[in-house]
Amino acid sequence: MIEKKPRKHKPKIDSLDSKIIVLLQKDGRISNKAMAKNIGVAESTVRARLKRLIDKKIVTITAVSSPFDLGFQTAGNFKINIDLKKKDKIMQELVAIKELWYVVLQTGGTDIDADFIIPSFEDLETLIFEKINRIDGIQKIQTSLIMQYGKHNFDWGTGVD
């Protein structure tokens, strides 16, 4: 009998990177100087680490907001069943659709989970029938609309320390 060990993702960050990321998750506008003081390292160290984290696309500094407060009228989620033999091409095409801001291949009852934001309810028909359903291998789409955000946070920390 062959014993398989579970695969474990090796972190691309260390303890210092983790501390920087956690501070940025709490306040994306925190200065390098303030982070350095909080962590107890030189500002140049924080600057170099942050540059590397951004250059390697480990973190992105961005403004997070509620789409409804920005004038979007419709936001929601798609649960998508696909032909798994075509998953790579389907994922590539879904990721290219601007209205989809979150797209993941997953296990469970559906194959792909995707979140969308669109200007109006009328745009939903175009998104579903002219963009998503035209992708070869899409078998079924279930749509849920977001009525209200109860929690919309991105400060979950890191898996290091």
C-alpha atoms as a PDB file:
ATOM      1  CA  MET A   1       0.000   0.000   0.000  1.00  0.00           C
ATOM      2  CA  ILE A   2       1.386   3.378  -1.005  1.00  0.00           C
ATOM      3  CA  GLU A   3       0.926   6.072   1.600  1.00  0.00           C
ATOM      4  CA  LYS A   4       0.317   9.498   0.141  1.00  0.00           C
ATOM      5  CA  LYS A   5       1.203  12.540   2.158  1.00  0.00           C
ATOM      6  CA  PRO A   6      -1.087  15.534   1.777  1.00  0.00           C
ATOM      7  CA  ARG A   7       0.360  18.240  -0.442  1.00  0.00           C
ATOM      8  CA  LYS A   8       1.129  21.410   1.400  1.00  0.00           C
ATOM      9  CA  HIS A   9       1.565  24.794  -0.227  1.00  0.00           C
ATOM     10  CA  LYS A  10       4.945  26.230   0.587  1.00  0.00           C
ATOM     11  CA  PRO A  11       4.520  29.863   1.622  1.00  0.00           C
ATOM     12  CA  LYS A  12       6.136  32.467  -0.614  1.00  0.00           C
ATOM     13  CA  ILE A  13       6.526  34.747   2.392  1.00  0.00           C
ATOM     14  CA  ASP A  14       8.309  34.706   5.723  1.00  0.00           C
ATOM     15  CA  SER A  15       7.436  36.084   9.151  1.00  0.00           C
ATOM     16  CA  LEU A  16       8.538  39.644   8.304  1.00  0.00           C
ATOM     17  CA  ASP A  17       6.528  39.665   5.067  1.00  0.00           C
ATOM     18  CA  SER A  18       3.549  38.374   7.052  1.00  0.00           C
ATOM     19  CA  LYS A  19       3.767  41.256   9.518  1.00  0.00           C
ATOM     20  CA  ILE A  20       3.889  43.783   6.658  1.00  0.00           C
ATOM     21  CA  ILE A  21       0.878  42.176   4.938  1.00  0.00           C
ATOM     22  CA  VAL A  22      -1.195  42.101   8.141  1.00  0.00           C
ATOM     23  CA  LEU A  23      -0.523  45.819   8.728  1.00  0.00           C
ATOM     24  CA  LEU A  24      -1.513  46.621   5.136  1.00  0.00           C
ATOM     25  CA  GLN A  25      -4.692  44.553   5.432  1.00  0.00           C
ATOM     26  CA  LYS A  26      -5.710  46.701   8.389  1.00  0.00           C
ATOM     27  CA  ASP A  27      -4.734  50.000   6.704  1.00  0.00           C
ATOM     28  CA  GLY A  28      -3.690  50.006   3.055  1.00  0.00           C
ATOM     29  CA  ARG A  29      -2.489  53.606   3.419  1.00  0.00           C
ATOM     30  CA  ILE A  30      -0.025  52.943   6.261  1.00  0.00           C
ATOM     31  CA  SER A  31       3.400  54.413   5.512  1.00  0.00           C
ATOM     32  CA  ASN A  32       6.567  52.371   5.210  1.00  0.00           C
ATOM     33  CA  LYS A  33       7.948  54.395   8.116  1.00  0.00           C
ATOM     34  CA  ALA A  34       4.988  53.498  10.361  1.00  0.00           C
ATOM     35  CA  MET A  35       5.239  49.820   9.406  1.00  0.00           C
ATOM     36  CA  ALA A  36       8.977  49.791  10.119  1.00  0.00           C
ATOM     37  CA  LYS A  37       8.427  51.358  13.541  1.00  0.00           C
ATOM     38  CA  ASN A  38       5.610  48.910  14.364  1.00  0.00           C
ATOM     39  CA  ILE A  39       7.643  45.856  13.314  1.00  0.00           C
ATOM     40  CA  GLY A  40      11.022  47.079  14.586  1.00  0.00           C
ATOM     41  CA  VAL A  41      13.033  47.090  11.358  1.00  0.00           C
ATOM     42  CA  ALA A  42      14.536  49.750   9.096  1.00  0.00           C
ATOM     43  CA  GLU A  43      12.238  51.606   6.706  1.00  0.00           C
ATOM     44  CA  SER A  44      14.491  50.517   3.809  1.00  0.00           C
ATOM     45  CA  THR A  45      13.803  46.889   4.759  1.00  0.00           C
ATOM     46  CA  VAL A  46      10.036  47.456   4.627  1.00  0.00           C
ATOM     47  CA  ARG A  47      10.370  49.332   1.312  1.00  0.00           C
ATOM     48  CA  ALA A  48      12.404  46.513  -0.274  1.00  0.00           C
ATOM     49  CA  ARG A  49      10.120  43.781   1.073  1.00  0.00           C
ATOM     50  CA  LEU A  50       6.975  45.588  -0.075  1.00  0.00           C
ATOM     51  CA  LYS A  51       8.438  46.140  -3.547  1.00  0.00           C
ATOM     52  CA  ARG A  52       9.214  42.421  -3.830  1.00  0.00           C
ATOM     53  CA  LEU A  53       5.725  41.442  -2.605  1.00  0.00           C
ATOM     54  CA  ILE A  54       4.131  43.714  -5.204  1.00  0.00           C
ATOM     55  CA  ASP A  55       6.514  42.770  -8.048  1.00  0.00           C
ATOM     56  CA  LYS A  56       5.870  39.045  -7.444  1.00  0.00           C
ATOM     57  CA  LYS A  57       2.112  39.718  -7.311  1.00  0.00           C
ATOM     58  CA  ILE A  58       1.851  38.329  -3.789  1.00  0.00           C
ATOM     59  CA  VAL A  59       0.021  41.500  -2.706  1.00  0.00           C
ATOM     60  CA  THR A  60      -1.804  44.279  -4.482  1.00  0.00           C
ATOM     61  CA  ILE A  61      -2.496  47.632  -2.891  1.00  0.00           C
ATOM     62  CA  THR A  62      -6.012  48.655  -3.905  1.00  0.00           C
ATOM     63  CA  ALA A  63      -9.119  50.463  -2.699  1.00  0.00           C
ATOM     64  CA  VAL A  64     -11.873  48.083  -1.581  1.00  0.00           C
ATOM     65  CA  SER A  65     -15.403  49.424  -1.695  1.00  0.00           C
ATOM     66  CA  SER A  66     -19.029  48.417  -1.926  1.00  0.00           C
ATOM     67  CA  PRO A  67     -20.102  48.307  -5.581  1.00  0.00           C
ATOM     68  CA  PHE A  68     -23.516  49.703  -4.629  1.00  0.00           C
ATOM     69  CA  ASP A  69     -21.904  52.804  -3.127  1.00  0.00           C
ATOM     70  CA  LEU A  70     -20.062  53.312  -6.428  1.00  0.00           C
ATOM     71  CA  GLY A  71     -23.232  53.354  -8.515  1.00  0.00           C
ATOM     72  CA  PHE A  72     -23.403  49.721  -9.622  1.00  0.00           C
ATOM     73  CA  GLN A  73     -26.953  48.405  -9.412  1.00  0.00           C
ATOM     74  CA  THR A  74     -26.363  44.667  -9.635  1.00  0.00           C
ATOM     75  CA  ALA A  75     -23.840  42.301  -8.056  1.00  0.00           C
ATOM     76  CA  GLY A  76     -24.022  38.572  -7.630  1.00  0.00           C
ATOM     77  CA  ASN A  77     -22.580  35.121  -7.952  1.00  0.00           C
ATOM     78  CA  PHE A  78     -22.585  32.405 -10.587  1.00  0.00           C
ATOM     79  CA  LYS A  79     -22.273  28.702  -9.824  1.00  0.00           C
ATOM     80  CA  ILE A  80     -21.153  27.185 -13.118  1.00  0.00           C
ATOM     81  CA  ASN A  81     -21.060  23.544 -14.206  1.00  0.00           C
ATOM     82  CA  ILE A  82     -18.606  22.775 -16.996  1.00  0.00           C
ATOM     83  CA  ASP A  83     -17.109  20.010 -19.094  1.00  0.00           C
ATOM     84  CA  LEU A  84     -14.015  19.437 -16.941  1.00  0.00           C
ATOM     85  CA  LYS A  85     -12.003  18.317 -19.963  1.00  0.00           C
ATOM     86  CA  LYS A  86     -12.198  21.944 -21.140  1.00  0.00           C
ATOM     87  CA  LYS A  87     -11.548  23.559 -17.734  1.00  0.00           C
ATOM     88  CA  ASP A  88      -8.321  25.377 -18.644  1.00  0.00           C
ATOM     89  CA  LYS A  89      -9.814  27.072 -21.722  1.00  0.00           C
ATOM     90  CA  ILE A  90     -13.046  27.889 -19.876  1.00  0.00           C
ATOM     91  CA  MET A  91     -11.166  29.409 -16.934  1.00  0.00           C
ATOM     92  CA  GLN A  92      -9.022  31.465 -19.309  1.00  0.00           C
ATOM     93  CA  GLU A  93     -12.103  32.848 -21.072  1.00  0.00           C
ATOM     94  CA  LEU A  94     -14.003  33.568 -17.839  1.00  0.00           C
ATOM     95  CA  VAL A  95     -11.035  35.409 -16.319  1.00  0.00           C
ATOM     96  CA  ALA A  96     -10.984  37.654 -19.402  1.00  0.00           C
ATOM     97  CA  ILE A  97     -14.572  38.863 -18.784  1.00  0.00           C
ATOM     98  CA  LYS A  98     -14.301  42.288 -17.139  1.00  0.00           C
ATOM     99  CA  GLU A  99     -17.545  42.020 -15.158  1.00  0.00           C
ATOM    100  CA  LEU A 100     -16.291  38.907 -13.336  1.00  0.00           C
ATOM    101  CA  TRP A 101     -14.021  40.018 -10.516  1.00  0.00           C
ATOM    102  CA  TYR A 102     -13.615  36.632  -8.804  1.00  0.00           C
ATOM    103  CA  VAL A 103     -13.328  33.306 -10.646  1.00  0.00           C
ATOM    104  CA  VAL A 104     -12.257  30.010  -9.035  1.00  0.00           C
ATOM    105  CA  LEU A 105     -12.255  26.334  -9.973  1.00  0.00           C
ATOM    106  CA  GLN A 106     -13.572  24.415  -6.986  1.00  0.00           C
ATOM    107  CA  THR A 107     -14.752  21.089  -5.657  1.00  0.00           C
ATOM    108  CA  GLY A 108     -18.309  20.409  -4.587  1.00  0.00           C
ATOM    109  CA  GLY A 109     -21.659  20.701  -6.289  1.00  0.00           C
ATOM    110  CA  THR A 110     -20.480  23.130  -8.968  1.00  0.00           C
ATOM    111  CA  ASP A 111     -17.200  23.400 -10.816  1.00  0.00           C
ATOM    112  CA  ILE A 112     -16.658  27.166 -10.992  1.00  0.00           C
ATOM    113  CA  ASP A 113     -17.653  29.961  -8.637  1.00  0.00           C
ATOM    114  CA  ALA A 114     -17.635  33.486 -10.075  1.00  0.00           C
ATOM    115  CA  ASP A 115     -18.692  36.844  -8.634  1.00  0.00           C
ATOM    116  CA  PHE A 116     -19.825  39.694 -10.843  1.00  0.00           C
ATOM    117  CA  ILE A 117     -20.581  43.408 -10.689  1.00  0.00           C
ATOM    118  CA  ILE A 118     -22.582  45.111 -13.454  1.00  0.00           C
ATOM    119  CA  PRO A 119     -24.073  48.582 -13.902  1.00  0.00           C
ATOM    120  CA  SER A 120     -27.698  47.441 -14.119  1.00  0.00           C
ATOM    121  CA  PHE A 121     -29.972  44.417 -14.002  1.00  0.00           C
ATOM    122  CA  GLU A 122     -30.472  44.738 -17.766  1.00  0.00           C
ATOM    123  CA  ASP A 123     -26.751  43.992 -18.248  1.00  0.00           C
ATOM    124  CA  LEU A 124     -27.203  40.569 -16.641  1.00  0.00           C
ATOM    125  CA  GLU A 125     -28.796  39.130 -19.789  1.00  0.00           C
ATOM    126  CA  THR A 126     -25.827  40.241 -21.896  1.00  0.00           C
ATOM    127  CA  LEU A 127     -23.349  38.855 -19.387  1.00  0.00           C
ATOM    128  CA  ILE A 128     -25.020  35.440 -19.195  1.00  0.00           C
ATOM    129  CA  PHE A 129     -26.173  34.859 -22.768  1.00  0.00           C
ATOM    130  CA  GLU A 130     -23.652  36.790 -24.870  1.00  0.00           C
ATOM    131  CA  LYS A 131     -20.490  36.331 -22.837  1.00  0.00           C
ATOM    132  CA  ILE A 132     -20.599  33.297 -20.528  1.00  0.00           C
ATOM    133  CA  ASN A 133     -22.963  30.891 -22.322  1.00  0.00           C
ATOM    134  CA  ARG A 134     -21.025  31.303 -25.567  1.00  0.00           C
ATOM    135  CA  ILE A 135     -17.970  29.675 -23.995  1.00  0.00           C
ATOM    136  CA  ASP A 136     -17.580  26.107 -25.240  1.00  0.00           C
ATOM    137  CA  GLY A 137     -17.957  23.667 -22.358  1.00  0.00           C
ATOM    138  CA  ILE A 138     -20.306  25.695 -20.152  1.00  0.00           C
ATOM    139  CA  GLN A 139     -23.132  23.334 -19.178  1.00  0.00           C
ATOM    140  CA  LYS A 140     -25.207  25.137 -16.555  1.00  0.00           C
ATOM    141  CA  ILE A 141     -25.232  28.476 -14.716  1.00  0.00           C
ATOM    142  CA  GLN A 142     -27.023  29.236 -11.456  1.00  0.00           C
ATOM    143  CA  THR A 143     -27.304  32.925 -10.629  1.00  0.00           C
ATOM    144  CA  SER A 144     -27.664  34.530  -7.207  1.00  0.00           C
ATOM    145  CA  LEU A 145     -28.024  38.284  -6.753  1.00  0.00           C
ATOM    146  CA  ILE A 146     -26.508  40.113  -3.798  1.00  0.00           C
ATOM    147  CA  MET A 147     -29.156  42.117  -2.000  1.00  0.00           C
ATOM    148  CA  GLN A 148     -26.935  43.525   0.754  1.00  0.00           C
ATOM    149  CA  TYR A 149     -23.364  43.108   1.966  1.00  0.00           C
ATOM    150  CA  GLY A 150     -23.192  41.982   5.587  1.00  0.00           C
ATOM    151  CA  LYS A 151     -19.445  41.439   5.617  1.00  0.00           C
ATOM    152  CA  HIS A 152     -16.956  42.241   2.897  1.00  0.00           C
ATOM    153  CA  ASN A 153     -13.494  42.070   4.487  1.00  0.00           C
ATOM    154  CA  PHE A 154     -10.073  41.141   3.218  1.00  0.00           C
ATOM    155  CA  ASP A 155      -8.068  41.261   6.468  1.00  0.00           C
ATOM    156  CA  TRP A 156      -7.730  37.529   7.065  1.00  0.00           C
ATOM    157  CA  GLY A 157      -4.004  37.709   7.875  1.00  0.00           C
ATOM    158  CA  THR A 158      -1.565  35.157   6.451  1.00  0.00           C
ATOM    159  CA  GLY A 159      -0.850  31.467   6.889  1.00  0.00           C
ATOM    160  CA  VAL A 160       2.595  32.333   8.260  1.00  0.00           C
ATOM    161  CA  ASP A 161       2.947  32.961  12.022  1.00  0.00           C
END
